[in-house]
Amino acid sequence: MKRHLLGGIAVALLTAFAAKAQDQVFGTDTDAGYAEKIWAAMREQNLIGDTMLRAFPYEGVEPHGKMLETFYSSASIDGHDGALIVKRNFGPEGVTADQVLSDPGKHLGAVTVMFRREEGYDPDNGNWFWAKYLPDGSLDKNPNGMRLAGRVAKGADAGCIACHSGAGGDYLFTTDHLPAE
């Protein structure tokens, strides 16, 4: 009887875990794979890496970093051409533009990205795919250990989508002019 009860509990827990994983709106293996393709596209465009293009850093706000560089481009991922917004996030507190310019690798904390996916990907949120990479190209994770890629924090009160929805229909705070898709 005890063995049957424990087996039933184990099945119930596995079923609940599988249902939760299926309902996960971001950070899935599929999202991580897509994020790898975006990282490769950024490398091809010299938006990351040792030979990355540079811009004059400007003062940032949380959660992105104290100094930022933003690039507006486009990329082709899996046969879809979409707008690509790349934001390099520099820190720590008190870092200056001159310090970032003289040693960007020392101060780079993360690279945050928005990529406009195909129609129907996430029409409620402009079809944007969101990702936050660490400087080595691995995906950052939230406090619960979920990879920050895909529909990050969809339906939540905080996070990428919640914050950027305040920018209006294009989800961009810095410009109303996206690259042609």
Protein backbone atom coordinates (compact mmCIF):
# COMPACT_ATOMS: atom_id res chain seq x y z
CA MET A 1 0.00 0.00 0.00
CA LYS A 2 2.79 2.39 0.97
CA ARG A 3 4.66 1.66 -2.28
CA HIS A 4 1.49 2.28 -4.33
CA LEU A 5 0.89 5.60 -2.56
CA LEU A 6 4.51 6.74 -3.10
CA GLY A 7 4.30 5.72 -6.77
CA GLY A 8 1.10 7.74 -7.15
CA ILE A 9 2.71 10.79 -5.55
CA ALA A 10 5.74 10.48 -7.84
CA VAL A 11 3.49 10.29 -10.93
CA ALA A 12 1.50 13.30 -9.75
CA LEU A 13 4.69 15.33 -9.17
CA LEU A 14 6.13 14.40 -12.57
CA THR A 15 2.85 15.26 -14.26
CA ALA A 16 2.72 18.64 -12.49
CA PHE A 17 6.36 19.33 -13.42
CA ALA A 18 5.74 18.41 -17.07
CA ALA A 19 2.63 20.62 -17.21
CA LYS A 20 4.57 23.52 -15.65
CA ALA A 21 7.43 23.10 -18.17
CA GLN A 22 4.91 23.00 -21.02
CA ASP A 23 3.29 26.23 -19.76
CA GLN A 24 6.64 28.03 -19.41
CA VAL A 25 6.42 31.20 -21.50
CA PHE A 26 10.16 31.87 -21.73
CA GLY A 27 13.52 30.27 -21.14
CA THR A 28 12.71 27.00 -22.86
CA ASP A 29 15.26 24.95 -24.80
CA THR A 30 13.64 26.25 -28.00
CA ASP A 31 14.08 29.85 -26.79
CA ALA A 32 17.72 29.18 -25.87
CA GLY A 33 18.36 27.69 -29.31
CA TYR A 34 16.83 30.71 -31.02
CA ALA A 35 18.88 33.02 -28.79
CA GLU A 36 22.04 31.20 -29.95
CA LYS A 37 21.12 32.03 -33.55
CA ILE A 38 20.68 35.69 -32.65
CA TRP A 39 24.09 35.70 -30.90
CA ALA A 40 25.64 34.26 -34.08
CA ALA A 41 23.96 36.97 -36.19
CA MET A 42 25.31 39.64 -33.84
CA ARG A 43 28.81 38.17 -34.14
CA GLU A 44 28.55 38.27 -37.96
CA GLN A 45 27.64 41.97 -37.75
CA ASN A 46 30.45 42.75 -35.27
CA LEU A 47 27.93 43.77 -32.64
CA ILE A 48 29.66 41.56 -30.06
CA GLY A 49 33.15 40.21 -29.51
CA ASP A 50 36.65 41.61 -29.60
CA THR A 51 36.11 43.40 -32.93
CA MET A 52 32.70 44.83 -32.04
CA LEU A 53 31.63 48.16 -33.44
CA ARG A 54 31.73 50.93 -30.87
CA ALA A 55 29.53 53.89 -30.08
CA PHE A 56 29.87 56.65 -27.54
CA PRO A 57 28.33 55.32 -24.30
CA TYR A 58 25.45 57.20 -22.73
CA GLU A 59 24.03 57.21 -19.21
CA GLY A 60 21.70 54.29 -18.56
CA VAL A 61 19.00 53.33 -16.11
CA GLU A 62 18.26 50.13 -14.24
CA PRO A 63 18.03 47.32 -15.05
CA HIS A 64 20.28 47.85 -18.06
CA GLY A 65 23.39 49.40 -16.58
CA LYS A 66 24.99 52.70 -15.68
CA MET A 67 26.40 53.24 -19.19
CA LEU A 68 24.91 51.90 -22.42
CA GLU A 69 25.60 51.54 -26.12
CA THR A 70 22.61 50.81 -28.37
CA PHE A 71 22.64 49.60 -31.97
CA TYR A 72 19.72 49.33 -34.39
CA SER A 73 20.11 46.72 -37.08
CA SER A 74 18.27 43.86 -38.71
CA ALA A 75 19.03 40.17 -38.97
CA SER A 76 17.80 37.09 -40.74
CA ILE A 77 17.02 34.20 -38.41
CA ASP A 78 15.54 30.99 -39.79
CA GLY A 79 14.57 32.77 -43.02
CA HIS A 80 12.81 35.67 -41.26
CA ASP A 81 14.19 39.21 -41.53
CA GLY A 82 13.49 41.28 -38.44
CA ALA A 83 14.58 44.39 -36.59
CA LEU A 84 17.42 43.75 -34.15
CA ILE A 85 18.04 46.08 -31.20
CA VAL A 86 21.28 45.42 -29.30
CA LYS A 87 22.00 47.18 -26.02
CA ARG A 88 25.34 46.74 -24.31
CA ASN A 89 25.04 47.21 -20.55
CA PHE A 90 28.11 48.55 -18.72
CA GLY A 91 28.84 49.01 -15.03
CA PRO A 92 29.47 49.13 -12.14
CA GLU A 93 27.99 52.11 -10.35
CA GLY A 94 30.10 55.19 -11.05
CA VAL A 95 31.65 53.94 -14.31
CA THR A 96 32.30 56.74 -16.80
CA ALA A 97 32.06 56.85 -20.58
CA ASP A 98 35.85 57.27 -20.76
CA GLN A 99 36.38 54.12 -18.67
CA VAL A 100 33.99 52.15 -20.88
CA LEU A 101 35.70 53.43 -24.02
CA SER A 102 39.18 52.57 -22.74
CA ASP A 103 38.31 49.03 -21.54
CA PRO A 104 34.83 47.91 -22.65
CA GLY A 105 35.47 44.25 -21.82
CA LYS A 106 36.23 45.08 -18.20
CA HIS A 107 32.95 46.97 -17.78
CA LEU A 108 30.53 44.96 -19.94
CA GLY A 109 27.92 43.39 -17.68
CA ALA A 110 25.37 42.10 -20.18
CA VAL A 111 23.99 42.41 -23.68
CA THR A 112 20.21 42.82 -23.90
CA VAL A 113 18.45 42.20 -27.19
CA MET A 114 15.08 42.61 -28.83
CA PHE A 115 14.49 40.83 -32.14
CA ARG A 116 11.23 41.30 -34.06
CA ARG A 117 10.05 37.81 -34.95
CA GLU A 118 7.53 36.75 -37.57
CA GLU A 119 3.85 37.70 -37.38
CA GLY A 120 2.03 35.49 -34.90
CA TYR A 121 5.01 34.84 -32.61
CA ASP A 122 3.63 37.07 -29.82
CA PRO A 123 1.12 39.53 -31.33
CA ASP A 124 0.14 40.78 -27.85
CA ASN A 125 3.66 42.19 -27.46
CA GLY A 126 4.74 43.32 -30.92
CA ASN A 127 6.19 39.89 -31.84
CA TRP A 128 9.40 40.75 -29.96
CA PHE A 129 11.81 38.05 -28.83
CA TRP A 130 13.78 39.20 -25.77
CA ALA A 131 17.15 37.94 -24.55
CA LYS A 132 19.71 38.90 -21.95
CA TYR A 133 23.19 37.50 -22.49
CA LEU A 134 26.20 37.53 -20.24
CA PRO A 135 29.40 38.83 -21.89
CA ASP A 136 30.45 35.27 -22.86
CA GLY A 137 27.21 34.73 -24.83
CA SER A 138 25.51 32.49 -22.30
CA LEU A 139 22.00 33.44 -21.28
CA ASP A 140 21.48 35.25 -18.01
CA LYS A 141 18.91 33.77 -15.63
CA ASN A 142 16.26 35.22 -13.35
CA PRO A 143 16.30 34.49 -9.58
CA ASN A 144 14.24 31.34 -10.24
CA GLY A 145 16.91 30.00 -12.62
CA MET A 146 14.90 30.58 -15.81
CA ARG A 147 16.94 31.58 -18.85
CA LEU A 148 16.13 35.11 -20.03
CA ALA A 149 15.17 34.39 -23.63
CA GLY A 150 11.86 34.39 -25.48
CA ARG A 151 8.72 36.07 -24.15
CA VAL A 152 10.57 37.20 -21.02
CA ALA A 153 8.21 37.76 -18.09
CA LYS A 154 5.10 37.74 -20.29
CA GLY A 155 2.07 38.47 -18.13
CA ALA A 156 4.19 39.52 -15.16
CA ASP A 157 4.10 42.86 -13.39
CA ALA A 158 7.85 43.36 -13.88
CA GLY A 159 10.42 42.35 -16.47
CA CYS A 160 11.19 43.06 -20.11
CA ILE A 161 7.68 43.07 -21.54
CA ALA A 162 6.04 44.83 -18.58
CA CYS A 163 8.60 47.64 -18.64
CA HIS A 164 8.80 48.11 -22.42
CA SER A 165 5.02 48.08 -22.85
CA GLY A 166 5.20 51.55 -21.27
CA ALA A 167 7.08 52.79 -24.35
CA GLY A 168 4.02 52.51 -26.56
CA GLY A 169 3.24 50.35 -29.56
CA ASP A 170 6.82 49.83 -30.70
CA TYR A 171 8.15 48.82 -27.22
CA LEU A 172 11.20 51.09 -27.76
CA PHE A 173 12.08 53.98 -25.49
CA THR A 174 14.92 55.40 -27.56
CA THR A 175 13.56 55.74 -31.09
CA ASP A 176 10.46 55.47 -33.22
CA HIS A 177 12.48 54.47 -36.28
CA LEU A 178 13.15 50.79 -36.71
CA PRO A 179 15.35 49.36 -39.45
CA ALA A 180 13.37 48.20 -42.50
CA GLU A 181 12.36 44.55 -42.29
